[in-house]
């Protein structure tokens, strides 16, 4: 894959079958992301803390 690191992200949680909502963690930065898919549409966005900054996993 041309040097692309494919194991950088870890799925933290997942729910749903047709409509899917998942939380992913960037293992290098600890930033958490929300992924949502419904049919052919989907999106990924960072989760934000109370101050509007990217949420970071504190558990390591």
PDB file of N, CA and C in Angstrom:
ATOM      1  N   UNK A   1       0.831  -1.201   0.000  1.00  0.00           N
ATOM      2  CA  UNK A   1       0.000   0.000   0.000  1.00  0.00           C
ATOM      3  C   UNK A   1       0.865   1.250   0.000  1.00  0.00           C
ATOM      4  N   UNK A   2       2.035   1.227  -0.521  1.00  0.00           N
ATOM      5  CA  UNK A   2       2.831   2.433  -0.663  1.00  0.00           C
ATOM      6  C   UNK A   2       3.213   3.104   0.638  1.00  0.00           C
ATOM      7  N   UNK A   3       3.406   2.341   1.705  1.00  0.00           N
ATOM      8  CA  UNK A   3       3.834   2.927   2.961  1.00  0.00           C
ATOM      9  C   UNK A   3       2.709   3.462   3.828  1.00  0.00           C
ATOM     10  N   UNK A   4       1.465   3.267   3.426  1.00  0.00           N
ATOM     11  CA  UNK A   4       0.335   3.736   4.229  1.00  0.00           C
ATOM     12  C   UNK A   4       0.163   2.804   5.425  1.00  0.00           C
ATOM     13  N   UNK A   5       0.078   3.393   6.611  1.00  0.00           N
ATOM     14  CA  UNK A   5      -0.089   2.615   7.834  1.00  0.00           C
ATOM     15  C   UNK A   5      -1.568   2.283   8.014  1.00  0.00           C
ATOM     16  N   UNK A   6      -1.936   1.027   7.814  1.00  0.00           N
ATOM     17  CA  UNK A   6      -3.336   0.624   7.827  1.00  0.00           C
ATOM     18  C   UNK A   6      -3.865   0.296   9.225  1.00  0.00           C
ATOM     19  N   UNK A   7      -3.007   0.225  10.228  1.00  0.00           N
ATOM     20  CA  UNK A   7      -3.470  -0.118  11.571  1.00  0.00           C
ATOM     21  C   UNK A   7      -3.481   1.087  12.510  1.00  0.00           C
ATOM     22  N   UNK A   8      -3.571   2.271  11.954  1.00  0.00           N
ATOM     23  CA  UNK A   8      -3.531   3.490  12.766  1.00  0.00           C
ATOM     24  C   UNK A   8      -4.817   3.686  13.563  1.00  0.00           C
ATOM     25  N   UNK A   9      -5.961   3.218  13.040  1.00  0.00           N
ATOM     26  CA  UNK A   9      -7.242   3.451  13.690  1.00  0.00           C
ATOM     27  C   UNK A   9      -7.780   2.173  14.322  1.00  0.00           C
ATOM     28  N   UNK A  10      -8.450   2.345  15.472  1.00  0.00           N
ATOM     29  CA  UNK A  10      -9.040   1.232  16.204  1.00  0.00           C
ATOM     30  C   UNK A  10     -10.518   1.526  16.426  1.00  0.00           C
ATOM     31  N   UNK A  11     -11.378   0.556  16.097  1.00  0.00           N
ATOM     32  CA  UNK A  11     -12.811   0.721  16.331  1.00  0.00           C
ATOM     33  C   UNK A  11     -13.081   0.511  17.813  1.00  0.00           C
ATOM     34  N   UNK A  12     -13.664   1.524  18.457  1.00  0.00           N
ATOM     35  CA  UNK A  12     -13.946   1.486  19.892  1.00  0.00           C
ATOM     36  C   UNK A  12     -15.338   0.921  20.162  1.00  0.00           C
ATOM     37  N   UNK A  13     -16.326   1.337  19.366  1.00  0.00           N
ATOM     38  CA  UNK A  13     -17.684   0.820  19.534  1.00  0.00           C
ATOM     39  C   UNK A  13     -18.420   0.866  18.209  1.00  0.00           C
ATOM     40  N   UNK A  14     -19.454   0.036  18.118  1.00  0.00           N
ATOM     41  CA  UNK A  14     -20.251  -0.030  16.897  1.00  0.00           C
ATOM     42  C   UNK A  14     -21.665  -0.439  17.265  1.00  0.00           C
ATOM     43  N   UNK A  15     -22.640   0.171  16.599  1.00  0.00           N
ATOM     44  CA  UNK A  15     -24.021  -0.252  16.783  1.00  0.00           C
ATOM     45  C   UNK A  15     -24.769  -0.100  15.475  1.00  0.00           C
ATOM     46  N   UNK A  16     -25.730  -0.991  15.260  1.00  0.00           N
ATOM     47  CA  UNK A  16     -26.546  -0.965  14.061  1.00  0.00           C
ATOM     48  C   UNK A  16     -26.042  -1.914  12.994  1.00  0.00           C
ATOM     49  N   UNK A  17     -26.945  -2.266  12.078  1.00  0.00           N
ATOM     50  CA  UNK A  17     -26.618  -3.152  10.963  1.00  0.00           C
ATOM     51  C   UNK A  17     -26.762  -2.414   9.638  1.00  0.00           C
ATOM     52  N   UNK A  18     -27.942  -1.889   9.352  1.00  0.00           N
ATOM     53  CA  UNK A  18     -28.150  -1.144   8.108  1.00  0.00           C
ATOM     54  C   UNK A  18     -27.735   0.313   8.270  1.00  0.00           C
ATOM     55  N   UNK A  19     -28.139   0.890   9.383  1.00  0.00           N
ATOM     56  CA  UNK A  19     -27.671   2.224   9.759  1.00  0.00           C
ATOM     57  C   UNK A  19     -26.625   2.011  10.847  1.00  0.00           C
ATOM     58  N   UNK A  20     -25.391   2.392  10.563  1.00  0.00           N
ATOM     59  CA  UNK A  20     -24.271   2.070  11.445  1.00  0.00           C
ATOM     60  C   UNK A  20     -23.693   3.340  12.059  1.00  0.00           C
ATOM     61  N   UNK A  21     -23.456   3.307  13.363  1.00  0.00           N
ATOM     62  CA  UNK A  21     -22.764   4.381  14.067  1.00  0.00           C
ATOM     63  C   UNK A  21     -21.581   3.759  14.800  1.00  0.00           C
ATOM     64  N   UNK A  22     -20.392   4.321  14.580  1.00  0.00           N
ATOM     65  CA  UNK A  22     -19.180   3.771  15.183  1.00  0.00           C
ATOM     66  C   UNK A  22     -18.330   4.886  15.782  1.00  0.00           C
ATOM     67  N   UNK A  23     -17.554   4.533  16.799  1.00  0.00           N
ATOM     68  CA  UNK A  23     -16.540   5.426  17.364  1.00  0.00           C
ATOM     69  C   UNK A  23     -15.181   4.813  17.027  1.00  0.00           C
ATOM     70  N   UNK A  24     -14.301   5.628  16.442  1.00  0.00           N
ATOM     71  CA  UNK A  24     -12.954   5.188  16.070  1.00  0.00           C
ATOM     72  C   UNK A  24     -11.923   6.030  16.805  1.00  0.00           C
ATOM     73  N   UNK A  25     -10.791   5.415  17.154  1.00  0.00           N
ATOM     74  CA  UNK A  25      -9.706   6.131  17.831  1.00  0.00           C
ATOM     75  C   UNK A  25      -8.451   6.095  16.961  1.00  0.00           C
ATOM     76  N   UNK A  26      -7.843   7.265  16.791  1.00  0.00           N
ATOM     77  CA  UNK A  26      -6.542   7.368  16.136  1.00  0.00           C
ATOM     78  C   UNK A  26      -5.502   6.956  17.175  1.00  0.00           C
ATOM     79  N   UNK A  27      -4.830   5.836  16.962  1.00  0.00           N
ATOM     80  CA  UNK A  27      -3.879   5.312  17.951  1.00  0.00           C
ATOM     81  C   UNK A  27      -2.645   6.193  18.120  1.00  0.00           C
ATOM     82  N   UNK A  28      -2.340   7.025  17.151  1.00  0.00           N
ATOM     83  CA  UNK A  28      -1.165   7.899  17.261  1.00  0.00           C
ATOM     84  C   UNK A  28      -1.456   9.168  18.052  1.00  0.00           C
ATOM     85  N   UNK A  29      -2.666   9.714  17.911  1.00  0.00           N
ATOM     86  CA  UNK A  29      -2.996  10.980  18.571  1.00  0.00           C
ATOM     87  C   UNK A  29      -3.996  10.821  19.715  1.00  0.00           C
ATOM     88  N   UNK A  30      -4.747   9.713  19.747  1.00  0.00           N
ATOM     89  CA  UNK A  30      -5.785   9.506  20.750  1.00  0.00           C
ATOM     90  C   UNK A  30      -7.096  10.198  20.422  1.00  0.00           C
ATOM     91  N   UNK A  31      -7.162  10.934  19.298  1.00  0.00           N
ATOM     92  CA  UNK A  31      -8.380  11.650  18.918  1.00  0.00           C
ATOM     93  C   UNK A  31      -9.478  10.647  18.566  1.00  0.00           C
ATOM     94  N   UNK A  32     -10.700  10.926  19.034  1.00  0.00           N
ATOM     95  CA  UNK A  32     -11.856  10.075  18.782  1.00  0.00           C
ATOM     96  C   UNK A  32     -12.684  10.637  17.637  1.00  0.00           C
ATOM     97  N   UNK A  33     -13.209   9.742  16.803  1.00  0.00           N
ATOM     98  CA  UNK A  33     -14.006  10.128  15.643  1.00  0.00           C
ATOM     99  C   UNK A  33     -15.338   9.398  15.661  1.00  0.00           C
ATOM    100  N   UNK A  34     -16.382  10.072  15.172  1.00  0.00           N
ATOM    101  CA  UNK A  34     -17.698   9.480  14.990  1.00  0.00           C
ATOM    102  C   UNK A  34     -17.874   9.179  13.512  1.00  0.00           C
ATOM    103  N   UNK A  35     -18.204   7.923  13.193  1.00  0.00           N
ATOM    104  CA  UNK A  35     -18.510   7.517  11.823  1.00  0.00           C
ATOM    105  C   UNK A  35     -19.964   7.093  11.792  1.00  0.00           C
ATOM    106  N   UNK A  36     -20.723   7.594  10.820  1.00  0.00           N
ATOM    107  CA  UNK A  36     -22.127   7.220  10.670  1.00  0.00           C
ATOM    108  C   UNK A  36     -22.387   6.892   9.216  1.00  0.00           C
ATOM    109  N   UNK A  37     -23.051   5.744   8.978  1.00  0.00           N
ATOM    110  CA  UNK A  37     -23.371   5.308   7.619  1.00  0.00           C
ATOM    111  C   UNK A  37     -24.830   4.907   7.570  1.00  0.00           C
ATOM    112  N   UNK A  38     -25.514   5.375   6.532  1.00  0.00           N
ATOM    113  CA  UNK A  38     -26.912   5.019   6.315  1.00  0.00           C
ATOM    114  C   UNK A  38     -27.094   4.814   4.820  1.00  0.00           C
ATOM    115  N   UNK A  39     -27.281   3.570   4.403  1.00  0.00           N
ATOM    116  CA  UNK A  39     -27.395   3.280   2.969  1.00  0.00           C
ATOM    117  C   UNK A  39     -26.084   3.548   2.257  1.00  0.00           C
ATOM    118  N   UNK A  40     -26.141   4.369   1.212  1.00  0.00           N
ATOM    119  CA  UNK A  40     -24.946   4.684   0.426  1.00  0.00           C
ATOM    120  C   UNK A  40     -24.231   5.943   0.916  1.00  0.00           C
ATOM    121  N   UNK A  41     -24.747   6.574   1.958  1.00  0.00           N
ATOM    122  CA  UNK A  41     -24.145   7.815   2.462  1.00  0.00           C
ATOM    123  C   UNK A  41     -23.459   7.552   3.798  1.00  0.00           C
ATOM    124  N   UNK A  42     -22.379   8.277   4.046  1.00  0.00           N
ATOM    125  CA  UNK A  42     -21.674   8.134   5.308  1.00  0.00           C
ATOM    126  C   UNK A  42     -20.819   9.349   5.576  1.00  0.00           C
ATOM    127  N   UNK A  43     -20.385   9.471   6.806  1.00  0.00           N
ATOM    128  CA  UNK A  43     -19.532  10.600   7.153  1.00  0.00           C
ATOM    129  C   UNK A  43     -18.690  10.304   8.374  1.00  0.00           C
ATOM    130  N   UNK A  44     -17.573  11.011   8.470  1.00  0.00           N
ATOM    131  CA  UNK A  44     -16.635  10.871   9.575  1.00  0.00           C
ATOM    132  C   UNK A  44     -16.312  12.264  10.092  1.00  0.00           C
ATOM    133  N   UNK A  45     -16.390  12.438  11.409  1.00  0.00           N
ATOM    134  CA  UNK A  45     -16.092  13.736  12.006  1.00  0.00           C
ATOM    135  C   UNK A  45     -15.449  13.521  13.374  1.00  0.00           C
ATOM    136  N   UNK A  46     -14.547  14.401  13.788  1.00  0.00           N
ATOM    137  CA  UNK A  46     -13.977  14.241  15.127  1.00  0.00           C
ATOM    138  C   UNK A  46     -15.033  14.538  16.195  1.00  0.00           C
ATOM    139  N   UNK A  47     -14.995  13.783  17.278  1.00  0.00           N
ATOM    140  CA  UNK A  47     -15.834  14.105  18.427  1.00  0.00           C
ATOM    141  C   UNK A  47     -15.221  15.316  19.112  1.00  0.00           C
ATOM    142  N   UNK A  48     -16.065  16.185  19.651  1.00  0.00           N
ATOM    143  CA  UNK A  48     -15.584  17.407  20.291  1.00  0.00           C
ATOM    144  C   UNK A  48     -15.874  17.376  21.783  1.00  0.00           C
ATOM    145  N   UNK A  49     -14.985  17.990  22.569  1.00  0.00           N
ATOM    146  CA  UNK A  49     -15.210  18.089  24.008  1.00  0.00           C
ATOM    147  C   UNK A  49     -16.076  19.312  24.304  1.00  0.00           C
ATOM    148  N   UNK A  50     -16.281  19.619  25.575  1.00  0.00           N
ATOM    149  CA  UNK A  50     -17.159  20.726  25.964  1.00  0.00           C
ATOM    150  C   UNK A  50     -16.653  22.084  25.499  1.00  0.00           C
ATOM    151  N   UNK A  51     -15.352  22.187  25.192  1.00  0.00           N
ATOM    152  CA  UNK A  51     -14.772  23.443  24.717  1.00  0.00           C
ATOM    153  C   UNK A  51     -14.709  23.529  23.195  1.00  0.00           C
ATOM    154  N   UNK A  52     -15.234  22.504  22.518  1.00  0.00           N
ATOM    155  CA  UNK A  52     -15.224  22.505  21.059  1.00  0.00           C
ATOM    156  C   UNK A  52     -13.914  22.027  20.449  1.00  0.00           C
ATOM    157  N   UNK A  53     -13.054  21.438  21.274  1.00  0.00           N
ATOM    158  CA  UNK A  53     -11.777  20.901  20.785  1.00  0.00           C
ATOM    159  C   UNK A  53     -11.920  19.392  20.582  1.00  0.00           C
ATOM    160  N   UNK A  54     -11.101  18.795  19.717  1.00  0.00           N
ATOM    161  CA  UNK A  54     -11.201  17.347  19.493  1.00  0.00           C
ATOM    162  C   UNK A  54     -11.069  16.559  20.800  1.00  0.00           C
ATOM    163  N   UNK A  55     -11.987  15.608  20.982  1.00  0.00           N
ATOM    164  CA  UNK A  55     -11.953  14.750  22.167  1.00  0.00           C
ATOM    165  C   UNK A  55     -10.802  13.760  22.032  1.00  0.00           C
ATOM    166  N   UNK A  56     -10.033  13.609  23.107  1.00  0.00           N
ATOM    167  CA  UNK A  56      -8.877  12.712  23.118  1.00  0.00           C
ATOM    168  C   UNK A  56      -9.119  11.626  24.156  1.00  0.00           C
ATOM    169  N   UNK A  57      -8.873  10.375  23.765  1.00  0.00           N
ATOM    170  CA  UNK A  57      -9.022   9.241  24.672  1.00  0.00           C
ATOM    171  C   UNK A  57      -7.987   9.346  25.784  1.00  0.00           C
ATOM    172  N   UNK A  58      -8.440   9.384  27.025  1.00  0.00           N
ATOM    173  CA  UNK A  58      -7.540   9.525  28.170  1.00  0.00           C
ATOM    174  C   UNK A  58      -7.046   8.177  28.689  1.00  0.00           C
ATOM    175  N   UNK A  59      -7.571   7.078  28.145  1.00  0.00           N
ATOM    176  CA  UNK A  59      -7.206   5.742  28.615  1.00  0.00           C
ATOM    177  C   UNK A  59      -5.953   5.206  27.936  1.00  0.00           C
ATOM    178  N   UNK A  60      -5.390   5.959  27.022  1.00  0.00           N
ATOM    179  CA  UNK A  60      -4.170   5.519  26.354  1.00  0.00           C
ATOM    180  C   UNK A  60      -4.472   4.948  25.078  1.00  0.00           C
TER     181      UNK A  60
END
